[in-house]
Amino acid sequence: EQAEFLKKKKITAFAYETVQTEDGSLPLLSPMSEVAGR
């Protein structure tokens, strides 16, 4: 549902959880992964 909304409104959407470095790490997801894991 959200994907359809973003497509319809032609939103330029950057998702924290898919920003990825060359070594495969997810720098914007890692801080919340640490919190959620604990």
PDB file of all heavy atoms in Angstrom:
ATOM      1  N   GLU A   1       0.840  -1.205   0.000  1.00  0.00           N
ATOM      2  CA  GLU A   1       0.000   0.000   0.000  1.00  0.00           C
ATOM      3  C   GLU A   1       0.873   1.252   0.000  1.00  0.00           C
ATOM      4  O   GLU A   1       0.626   2.204  -0.745  1.00  0.00           O
ATOM      5  CB  GLU A   1      -0.928   0.002   1.216  1.00  0.00           C
ATOM      6  CG  GLU A   1      -1.826   1.238   1.290  1.00  0.00           C
ATOM      7  CD  GLU A   1      -2.682   1.276   2.545  1.00  0.00           C
ATOM      8  OE1 GLU A   1      -2.496   0.428   3.434  1.00  0.00           O
ATOM      9  OE2 GLU A   1      -3.536   2.183   2.632  1.00  0.00           O
ATOM     10  N   GLN A   2       1.892   1.260   0.845  1.00  0.00           N
ATOM     11  CA  GLN A   2       2.780   2.412   0.893  1.00  0.00           C
ATOM     12  C   GLN A   2       3.549   2.557  -0.420  1.00  0.00           C
ATOM     13  O   GLN A   2       3.734   3.676  -0.923  1.00  0.00           O
ATOM     14  CB  GLN A   2       3.766   2.293   2.066  1.00  0.00           C
ATOM     15  CG  GLN A   2       4.603   3.554   2.231  1.00  0.00           C
ATOM     16  CD  GLN A   2       5.852   3.353   3.068  1.00  0.00           C
ATOM     17  OE1 GLN A   2       6.686   4.243   3.139  1.00  0.00           O
ATOM     18  NE2 GLN A   2       6.013   2.200   3.686  1.00  0.00           N
ATOM     19  N   ALA A   3       3.985   1.429  -0.982  1.00  0.00           N
ATOM     20  CA  ALA A   3       4.711   1.470  -2.252  1.00  0.00           C
ATOM     21  C   ALA A   3       3.850   2.092  -3.347  1.00  0.00           C
ATOM     22  O   ALA A   3       4.328   2.916  -4.146  1.00  0.00           O
ATOM     23  CB  ALA A   3       5.148   0.059  -2.649  1.00  0.00           C
ATOM     24  N   GLU A   4       2.579   1.727  -3.382  1.00  0.00           N
ATOM     25  CA  GLU A   4       1.668   2.292  -4.383  1.00  0.00           C
ATOM     26  C   GLU A   4       1.518   3.801  -4.197  1.00  0.00           C
ATOM     27  O   GLU A   4       1.475   4.564  -5.161  1.00  0.00           O
ATOM     28  CB  GLU A   4       0.302   1.606  -4.299  1.00  0.00           C
ATOM     29  CG  GLU A   4       0.266   0.214  -4.906  1.00  0.00           C
ATOM     30  CD  GLU A   4       0.454   0.256  -6.417  1.00  0.00           C
ATOM     31  OE1 GLU A   4      -0.010   1.208  -7.067  1.00  0.00           O
ATOM     32  OE2 GLU A   4       1.091  -0.677  -6.948  1.00  0.00           O
ATOM     33  N   PHE A   5       1.414   4.235  -2.946  1.00  0.00           N
ATOM     34  CA  PHE A   5       1.306   5.663  -2.655  1.00  0.00           C
ATOM     35  C   PHE A   5       2.547   6.412  -3.134  1.00  0.00           C
ATOM     36  O   PHE A   5       2.452   7.456  -3.806  1.00  0.00           O
ATOM     37  CB  PHE A   5       1.101   5.886  -1.150  1.00  0.00           C
ATOM     38  CG  PHE A   5       1.581   7.212  -0.651  1.00  0.00           C
ATOM     39  CD1 PHE A   5       0.934   8.392  -1.012  1.00  0.00           C
ATOM     40  CD2 PHE A   5       2.709   7.299   0.157  1.00  0.00           C
ATOM     41  CE1 PHE A   5       1.400   9.618  -0.576  1.00  0.00           C
ATOM     42  CE2 PHE A   5       3.181   8.522   0.605  1.00  0.00           C
ATOM     43  CZ  PHE A   5       2.527   9.685   0.225  1.00  0.00           C
ATOM     44  N   LEU A   6       3.734   5.887  -2.811  1.00  0.00           N
ATOM     45  CA  LEU A   6       4.973   6.554  -3.194  1.00  0.00           C
ATOM     46  C   LEU A   6       5.128   6.608  -4.713  1.00  0.00           C
ATOM     47  O   LEU A   6       5.613   7.607  -5.268  1.00  0.00           O
ATOM     48  CB  LEU A   6       6.170   5.839  -2.567  1.00  0.00           C
ATOM     49  CG  LEU A   6       6.254   5.877  -1.032  1.00  0.00           C
ATOM     50  CD1 LEU A   6       7.384   4.979  -0.545  1.00  0.00           C
ATOM     51  CD2 LEU A   6       6.444   7.297  -0.518  1.00  0.00           C
ATOM     52  N   LYS A   7       4.703   5.544  -5.383  1.00  0.00           N
ATOM     53  CA  LYS A   7       4.751   5.522  -6.840  1.00  0.00           C
ATOM     54  C   LYS A   7       3.789   6.547  -7.437  1.00  0.00           C
ATOM     55  O   LYS A   7       4.146   7.309  -8.346  1.00  0.00           O
ATOM     56  CB  LYS A   7       4.413   4.118  -7.364  1.00  0.00           C
ATOM     57  CG  LYS A   7       5.566   3.127  -7.301  1.00  0.00           C
ATOM     58  CD  LYS A   7       5.106   1.687  -7.502  1.00  0.00           C
ATOM     59  CE  LYS A   7       4.282   1.474  -8.768  1.00  0.00           C
ATOM     60  NZ  LYS A   7       5.085   1.693 -10.003  1.00  0.00           N
ATOM     61  N   LYS A   8       2.567   6.548  -6.921  1.00  0.00           N
ATOM     62  CA  LYS A   8       1.540   7.441  -7.466  1.00  0.00           C
ATOM     63  C   LYS A   8       1.918   8.909  -7.293  1.00  0.00           C
ATOM     64  O   LYS A   8       1.711   9.731  -8.193  1.00  0.00           O
ATOM     65  CB  LYS A   8       0.202   7.159  -6.770  1.00  0.00           C
ATOM     66  CG  LYS A   8      -0.965   7.967  -7.326  1.00  0.00           C
ATOM     67  CD  LYS A   8      -2.268   7.593  -6.637  1.00  0.00           C
ATOM     68  CE  LYS A   8      -3.427   8.408  -7.185  1.00  0.00           C
ATOM     69  NZ  LYS A   8      -4.711   8.054  -6.508  1.00  0.00           N
ATOM     70  N   LYS A   9       2.472   9.257  -6.136  1.00  0.00           N
ATOM     71  CA  LYS A   9       2.867  10.641  -5.862  1.00  0.00           C
ATOM     72  C   LYS A   9       4.248  10.979  -6.429  1.00  0.00           C
ATOM     73  O   LYS A   9       4.716  12.101  -6.299  1.00  0.00           O
ATOM     74  CB  LYS A   9       2.869  10.898  -4.345  1.00  0.00           C
ATOM     75  CG  LYS A   9       1.515  11.198  -3.731  1.00  0.00           C
ATOM     76  CD  LYS A   9       1.037  12.612  -4.071  1.00  0.00           C
ATOM     77  CE  LYS A   9      -0.275  12.965  -3.401  1.00  0.00           C
ATOM     78  NZ  LYS A   9      -0.119  13.461  -2.050  1.00  0.00           N
ATOM     79  N   LYS A  10       4.894   9.986  -7.037  1.00  0.00           N
ATOM     80  CA  LYS A  10       6.234  10.161  -7.606  1.00  0.00           C
ATOM     81  C   LYS A  10       7.211  10.728  -6.573  1.00  0.00           C
ATOM     82  O   LYS A  10       8.015  11.623  -6.852  1.00  0.00           O
ATOM     83  CB  LYS A  10       6.175  11.043  -8.854  1.00  0.00           C
ATOM     84  CG  LYS A  10       5.340  10.436  -9.977  1.00  0.00           C
ATOM     85  CD  LYS A  10       5.330  11.294 -11.212  1.00  0.00           C
ATOM     86  CE  LYS A  10       4.504  10.628 -12.317  1.00  0.00           C
ATOM     87  NZ  LYS A  10       4.446  11.457 -13.546  1.00  0.00           N
ATOM     88  N   ILE A  11       7.121  10.157  -5.357  1.00  0.00           N
ATOM     89  CA  ILE A  11       7.996  10.581  -4.275  1.00  0.00           C
ATOM     90  C   ILE A  11       9.413  10.045  -4.504  1.00  0.00           C
ATOM     91  O   ILE A  11       9.598   8.880  -4.861  1.00  0.00           O
ATOM     92  CB  ILE A  11       7.462  10.078  -2.912  1.00  0.00           C
ATOM     93  CG1 ILE A  11       6.044  10.599  -2.652  1.00  0.00           C
ATOM     94  CG2 ILE A  11       8.418  10.466  -1.790  1.00  0.00           C
ATOM     95  CD1 ILE A  11       5.939  12.091  -2.505  1.00  0.00           C
ATOM     96  N   THR A  12      10.405  10.899  -4.313  1.00  0.00           N
ATOM     97  CA  THR A  12      11.804  10.464  -4.306  1.00  0.00           C
ATOM     98  C   THR A  12      12.096   9.991  -2.893  1.00  0.00           C
ATOM     99  O   THR A  12      12.297  10.804  -1.986  1.00  0.00           O
ATOM    100  CB  THR A  12      12.731  11.631  -4.689  1.00  0.00           C
ATOM    101  OG1 THR A  12      12.412  12.071  -6.013  1.00  0.00           O
ATOM    102  CG2 THR A  12      14.190  11.190  -4.632  1.00  0.00           C
ATOM    103  N   ALA A  13      12.079   8.677  -2.683  1.00  0.00           N
ATOM    104  CA  ALA A  13      12.121   8.121  -1.333  1.00  0.00           C
ATOM    105  C   ALA A  13      13.422   7.369  -1.072  1.00  0.00           C
ATOM    106  O   ALA A  13      13.707   6.353  -1.717  1.00  0.00           O
ATOM    107  CB  ALA A  13      10.934   7.192  -1.106  1.00  0.00           C
ATOM    108  N   PHE A  14      14.201   7.898  -0.121  1.00  0.00           N
ATOM    109  CA  PHE A  14      15.405   7.215   0.351  1.00  0.00           C
ATOM    110  C   PHE A  14      15.065   6.468   1.636  1.00  0.00           C
ATOM    111  O   PHE A  14      14.557   7.062   2.597  1.00  0.00           O
ATOM    112  CB  PHE A  14      16.521   8.223   0.641  1.00  0.00           C
ATOM    113  CG  PHE A  14      17.173   8.802  -0.573  1.00  0.00           C
ATOM    114  CD1 PHE A  14      16.750  10.016  -1.096  1.00  0.00           C
ATOM    115  CD2 PHE A  14      18.224   8.139  -1.196  1.00  0.00           C
ATOM    116  CE1 PHE A  14      17.357  10.566  -2.213  1.00  0.00           C
ATOM    117  CE2 PHE A  14      18.838   8.681  -2.324  1.00  0.00           C
ATOM    118  CZ  PHE A  14      18.404   9.900  -2.836  1.00  0.00           C
ATOM    119  N   ALA A  15      15.354   5.175   1.653  1.00  0.00           N
ATOM    120  CA  ALA A  15      15.065   4.343   2.827  1.00  0.00           C
ATOM    121  C   ALA A  15      16.342   4.106   3.608  1.00  0.00           C
ATOM    122  O   ALA A  15      17.332   3.603   3.066  1.00  0.00           O
ATOM    123  CB  ALA A  15      14.462   3.007   2.405  1.00  0.00           C
ATOM    124  N   TYR A  16      16.320   4.458   4.882  1.00  0.00           N
ATOM    125  CA  TYR A  16      17.500   4.254   5.725  1.00  0.00           C
ATOM    126  C   TYR A  16      18.001   2.819   5.651  1.00  0.00           C
ATOM    127  O   TYR A  16      19.212   2.568   5.637  1.00  0.00           O
ATOM    128  CB  TYR A  16      17.179   4.564   7.196  1.00  0.00           C
ATOM    129  CG  TYR A  16      16.795   5.980   7.535  1.00  0.00           C
ATOM    130  CD1 TYR A  16      16.124   6.258   8.726  1.00  0.00           C
ATOM    131  CD2 TYR A  16      17.103   7.048   6.704  1.00  0.00           C
ATOM    132  CE1 TYR A  16      15.773   7.553   9.074  1.00  0.00           C
ATOM    133  CE2 TYR A  16      16.749   8.347   7.040  1.00  0.00           C
ATOM    134  CZ  TYR A  16      16.082   8.599   8.235  1.00  0.00           C
ATOM    135  OH  TYR A  16      15.738   9.869   8.580  1.00  0.00           O
ATOM    136  N   GLU A  17      17.042   1.868   5.625  1.00  0.00           N
ATOM    137  CA  GLU A  17      17.432   0.465   5.787  1.00  0.00           C
ATOM    138  C   GLU A  17      18.083  -0.144   4.554  1.00  0.00           C
ATOM    139  O   GLU A  17      18.605  -1.268   4.624  1.00  0.00           O
ATOM    140  CB  GLU A  17      16.224  -0.379   6.211  1.00  0.00           C
ATOM    141  CG  GLU A  17      15.189  -0.638   5.126  1.00  0.00           C
ATOM    142  CD  GLU A  17      14.154   0.465   4.988  1.00  0.00           C
ATOM    143  OE1 GLU A  17      14.297   1.524   5.652  1.00  0.00           O
ATOM    144  OE2 GLU A  17      13.192   0.272   4.220  1.00  0.00           O
ATOM    145  N   THR A  18      18.087   0.562   3.404  1.00  0.00           N
ATOM    146  CA  THR A  18      18.742  -0.018   2.231  1.00  0.00           C
ATOM    147  C   THR A  18      19.972   0.768   1.782  1.00  0.00           C
ATOM    148  O   THR A  18      20.609   0.392   0.795  1.00  0.00           O
ATOM    149  CB  THR A  18      17.761  -0.171   1.041  1.00  0.00           C
ATOM    150  OG1 THR A  18      17.268   1.109   0.643  1.00  0.00           O
ATOM    151  CG2 THR A  18      16.602  -1.081   1.409  1.00  0.00           C
ATOM    152  N   VAL A  19      20.314   1.839   2.474  1.00  0.00           N
ATOM    153  CA  VAL A  19      21.606   2.486   2.226  1.00  0.00           C
ATOM    154  C   VAL A  19      22.692   1.489   2.632  1.00  0.00           C
ATOM    155  O   VAL A  19      22.685   0.966   3.744  1.00  0.00           O
ATOM    156  CB  VAL A  19      21.746   3.789   3.039  1.00  0.00           C
ATOM    157  CG1 VAL A  19      23.157   4.355   2.907  1.00  0.00           C
ATOM    158  CG2 VAL A  19      20.712   4.823   2.581  1.00  0.00           C
ATOM    159  N   GLN A  20      23.591   1.214   1.714  1.00  0.00           N
ATOM    160  CA  GLN A  20      24.537   0.115   1.941  1.00  0.00           C
ATOM    161  C   GLN A  20      25.937   0.496   1.490  1.00  0.00           C
ATOM    162  O   GLN A  20      26.110   1.066   0.412  1.00  0.00           O
ATOM    163  CB  GLN A  20      24.066  -1.139   1.186  1.00  0.00           C
ATOM    164  CG  GLN A  20      24.778  -2.405   1.560  1.00  0.00           C
ATOM    165  CD  GLN A  20      24.070  -3.638   1.003  1.00  0.00           C
ATOM    166  OE1 GLN A  20      22.990  -3.547   0.433  1.00  0.00           O
ATOM    167  NE2 GLN A  20      24.673  -4.794   1.168  1.00  0.00           N
ATOM    168  N   THR A  21      26.927   0.178   2.310  1.00  0.00           N
ATOM    169  CA  THR A  21      28.308   0.484   1.967  1.00  0.00           C
ATOM    170  C   THR A  21      28.908  -0.625   1.112  1.00  0.00           C
ATOM    171  O   THR A  21      28.305  -1.691   0.935  1.00  0.00           O
ATOM    172  CB  THR A  21      29.158   0.675   3.234  1.00  0.00           C
ATOM    173  OG1 THR A  21      29.118  -0.529   3.998  1.00  0.00           O
ATOM    174  CG2 THR A  21      28.634   1.821   4.087  1.00  0.00           C
ATOM    175  N   GLU A  22      30.102  -0.383   0.614  1.00  0.00           N
ATOM    176  CA  GLU A  22      30.745  -1.331  -0.298  1.00  0.00           C
ATOM    177  C   GLU A  22      30.959  -2.689   0.357  1.00  0.00           C
ATOM    178  O   GLU A  22      30.898  -3.732  -0.308  1.00  0.00           O
ATOM    179  CB  GLU A  22      32.079  -0.756  -0.775  1.00  0.00           C
ATOM    180  CG  GLU A  22      32.741  -1.568  -1.869  1.00  0.00           C
ATOM    181  CD  GLU A  22      34.010  -0.909  -2.403  1.00  0.00           C
ATOM    182  OE1 GLU A  22      34.333   0.210  -1.950  1.00  0.00           O
ATOM    183  OE2 GLU A  22      34.677  -1.520  -3.247  1.00  0.00           O
ATOM    184  N   ASP A  23      31.194  -2.717   1.673  1.00  0.00           N
ATOM    185  CA  ASP A  23      31.433  -3.991   2.357  1.00  0.00           C
ATOM    186  C   ASP A  23      30.143  -4.706   2.753  1.00  0.00           C
ATOM    187  O   ASP A  23      30.174  -5.744   3.420  1.00  0.00           O
ATOM    188  CB  ASP A  23      32.321  -3.785   3.589  1.00  0.00           C
ATOM    189  CG  ASP A  23      31.656  -2.928   4.674  1.00  0.00           C
ATOM    190  OD1 ASP A  23      30.482  -2.523   4.496  1.00  0.00           O
ATOM    191  OD2 ASP A  23      32.307  -2.663   5.692  1.00  0.00           O
ATOM    192  N   GLY A  24      28.989  -4.150   2.346  1.00  0.00           N
ATOM    193  CA  GLY A  24      27.709  -4.798   2.613  1.00  0.00           C
ATOM    194  C   GLY A  24      27.034  -4.370   3.895  1.00  0.00           C
ATOM    195  O   GLY A  24      25.922  -4.807   4.186  1.00  0.00           O
ATOM    196  N   SER A  25      27.668  -3.508   4.686  1.00  0.00           N
ATOM    197  CA  SER A  25      27.053  -3.069   5.941  1.00  0.00           C
ATOM    198  C   SER A  25      25.961  -2.042   5.685  1.00  0.00           C
ATOM    199  O   SER A  25      25.913  -1.406   4.624  1.00  0.00           O
ATOM    200  CB  SER A  25      28.111  -2.506   6.892  1.00  0.00           C
ATOM    201  OG  SER A  25      28.701  -1.348   6.349  1.00  0.00           O
ATOM    202  N   LEU A  26      25.074  -1.888   6.663  1.00  0.00           N
ATOM    203  CA  LEU A  26      23.911  -1.006   6.551  1.00  0.00           C
ATOM    204  C   LEU A  26      24.020   0.076   7.623  1.00  0.00           C
ATOM    205  O   LEU A  26      23.501  -0.066   8.726  1.00  0.00           O
ATOM    206  CB  LEU A  26      22.627  -1.825   6.724  1.00  0.00           C
ATOM    207  CG  LEU A  26      22.471  -3.010   5.768  1.00  0.00           C
ATOM    208  CD1 LEU A  26      21.352  -3.927   6.210  1.00  0.00           C
ATOM    209  CD2 LEU A  26      22.236  -2.513   4.343  1.00  0.00           C
ATOM    210  N   PRO A  27      24.699   1.174   7.315  1.00  0.00           N
ATOM    211  CA  PRO A  27      25.058   2.149   8.352  1.00  0.00           C
ATOM    212  C   PRO A  27      23.882   2.851   9.014  1.00  0.00           C
ATOM    213  O   PRO A  27      23.993   3.279  10.164  1.00  0.00           O
ATOM    214  CB  PRO A  27      25.940   3.151   7.596  1.00  0.00           C
ATOM    215  CG  PRO A  27      25.532   3.019   6.158  1.00  0.00           C
ATOM    216  CD  PRO A  27      25.208   1.573   5.988  1.00  0.00           C
ATOM    217  N   LEU A  28      22.759   2.978   8.312  1.00  0.00           N
ATOM    218  CA  LEU A  28      21.608   3.670   8.900  1.00  0.00           C
ATOM    219  C   LEU A  28      20.632   2.704   9.582  1.00  0.00           C
ATOM    220  O   LEU A  28      19.726   3.149  10.286  1.00  0.00           O
ATOM    221  CB  LEU A  28      20.878   4.501   7.841  1.00  0.00           C
ATOM    222  CG  LEU A  28      21.747   5.494   7.077  1.00  0.00           C
ATOM    223  CD1 LEU A  28      20.888   6.387   6.179  1.00  0.00           C
ATOM    224  CD2 LEU A  28      22.588   6.333   8.012  1.00  0.00           C
ATOM    225  N   LEU A  29      20.829   1.425   9.365  1.00  0.00           N
ATOM    226  CA  LEU A  29      20.029   0.424  10.061  1.00  0.00           C
ATOM    227  C   LEU A  29      20.743  -0.070  11.312  1.00  0.00           C
ATOM    228  O   LEU A  29      20.098  -0.414  12.315  1.00  0.00           O
ATOM    229  CB  LEU A  29      19.734  -0.758   9.128  1.00  0.00           C
ATOM    230  CG  LEU A  29      18.762  -1.815   9.659  1.00  0.00           C
ATOM    231  CD1 LEU A  29      17.381  -1.220   9.870  1.00  0.00           C
ATOM    232  CD2 LEU A  29      18.677  -2.985   8.689  1.00  0.00           C
ATOM    233  N   SER A  30      22.065  -0.075  11.271  1.00  0.00           N
ATOM    234  CA  SER A  30      22.839  -0.641  12.376  1.00  0.00           C
ATOM    235  C   SER A  30      22.513  -0.063  13.750  1.00  0.00           C
ATOM    236  O   SER A  30      22.360  -0.819  14.717  1.00  0.00           O
ATOM    237  CB  SER A  30      24.337  -0.489  12.101  1.00  0.00           C
ATOM    238  OG  SER A  30      24.717  -1.283  11.008  1.00  0.00           O
ATOM    239  N   PRO A  31      22.381   1.279  13.900  1.00  0.00           N
ATOM    240  CA  PRO A  31      22.099   1.801  15.239  1.00  0.00           C
ATOM    241  C   PRO A  31      20.800   1.266  15.835  1.00  0.00           C
ATOM    242  O   PRO A  31      20.735   0.940  17.026  1.00  0.00           O
ATOM    243  CB  PRO A  31      22.017   3.320  15.020  1.00  0.00           C
ATOM    244  CG  PRO A  31      22.783   3.568  13.769  1.00  0.00           C
ATOM    245  CD  PRO A  31      22.555   2.371  12.921  1.00  0.00           C
ATOM    246  N   MET A  32      19.758   1.150  15.000  1.00  0.00           N
ATOM    247  CA  MET A  32      18.478   0.650  15.512  1.00  0.00           C
ATOM    248  C   MET A  32      18.496  -0.865  15.672  1.00  0.00           C
ATOM    249  O   MET A  32      17.780  -1.413  16.517  1.00  0.00           O
ATOM    250  CB  MET A  32      17.324   1.068  14.602  1.00  0.00           C
ATOM    251  CG  MET A  32      17.096   2.567  14.548  1.00  0.00           C
ATOM    252  SD  MET A  32      16.812   3.351  16.176  1.00  0.00           S
ATOM    253  CE  MET A  32      18.487   3.850  16.653  1.00  0.00           C
ATOM    254  N   SER A  33      19.322  -1.553  14.886  1.00  0.00           N
ATOM    255  CA  SER A  33      19.488  -2.996  15.070  1.00  0.00           C
ATOM    256  C   SER A  33      20.126  -3.277  16.419  1.00  0.00           C
ATOM    257  O   SER A  33      19.757  -4.228  17.116  1.00  0.00           O
ATOM    258  CB  SER A  33      20.355  -3.577  13.947  1.00  0.00           C
ATOM    259  OG  SER A  33      19.715  -3.459  12.700  1.00  0.00           O
ATOM    260  N   GLU A  34      21.095  -2.443  16.783  1.00  0.00           N
ATOM    261  CA  GLU A  34      21.743  -2.606  18.087  1.00  0.00           C
ATOM    262  C   GLU A  34      20.735  -2.397  19.217  1.00  0.00           C
ATOM    263  O   GLU A  34      20.681  -3.174  20.178  1.00  0.00           O
ATOM    264  CB  GLU A  34      22.896  -1.604  18.212  1.00  0.00           C
ATOM    265  CG  GLU A  34      24.058  -1.919  17.277  1.00  0.00           C
ATOM    266  CD  GLU A  34      25.022  -0.760  17.120  1.00  0.00           C
ATOM    267  OE1 GLU A  34      24.802   0.295  17.769  1.00  0.00           O
ATOM    268  OE2 GLU A  34      25.991  -0.890  16.341  1.00  0.00           O
ATOM    269  N   VAL A  35      19.929  -1.346  19.089  1.00  0.00           N
ATOM    270  CA  VAL A  35      18.915  -1.060  20.112  1.00  0.00           C
ATOM    271  C   VAL A  35      17.886  -2.186  20.171  1.00  0.00           C
ATOM    272  O   VAL A  35      17.568  -2.707  21.249  1.00  0.00           O
ATOM    273  CB  VAL A  35      18.220   0.288  19.836  1.00  0.00           C
ATOM    274  CG1 VAL A  35      17.031   0.483  20.781  1.00  0.00           C
ATOM    275  CG2 VAL A  35      19.207   1.444  20.004  1.00  0.00           C
ATOM    276  N   ALA A  36      17.343  -2.568  19.010  1.00  0.00           N
ATOM    277  CA  ALA A  36      16.295  -3.590  18.984  1.00  0.00           C
ATOM    278  C   ALA A  36      16.811  -4.936  19.467  1.00  0.00           C
ATOM    279  O   ALA A  36      16.102  -5.677  20.155  1.00  0.00           O
ATOM    280  CB  ALA A  36      15.727  -3.720  17.566  1.00  0.00           C
ATOM    281  N   GLY A  37      18.052  -5.275  19.126  1.00  0.00           N
ATOM    282  CA  GLY A  37      18.622  -6.536  19.588  1.00  0.00           C
ATOM    283  C   GLY A  37      18.716  -6.592  21.100  1.00  0.00           C
ATOM    284  O   GLY A  37      18.337  -7.590  21.727  1.00  0.00           O
ATOM    285  N   ARG A  38      19.185  -5.512  21.699  1.00  0.00           N
ATOM    286  CA  ARG A  38      19.296  -5.482  23.157  1.00  0.00           C
ATOM    287  C   ARG A  38      17.919  -5.434  23.810  1.00  0.00           C
ATOM    288  O   ARG A  38      17.674  -6.097  24.826  1.00  0.00           O
ATOM    289  CB  ARG A  38      20.158  -4.287  23.584  1.00  0.00           C
ATOM    290  CG  ARG A  38      21.587  -4.428  23.089  1.00  0.00           C
ATOM    291  CD  ARG A  38      22.495  -3.292  23.494  1.00  0.00           C
ATOM    292  NE  ARG A  38      23.808  -3.461  22.868  1.00  0.00           N
ATOM    293  CZ  ARG A  38      24.956  -3.135  23.424  1.00  0.00           C
ATOM    294  NH1 ARG A  38      24.983  -2.595  24.635  1.00  0.00           N
ATOM    295  NH2 ARG A  38      26.097  -3.327  22.786  1.00  0.00           N
TER     296      ARG A  38
END
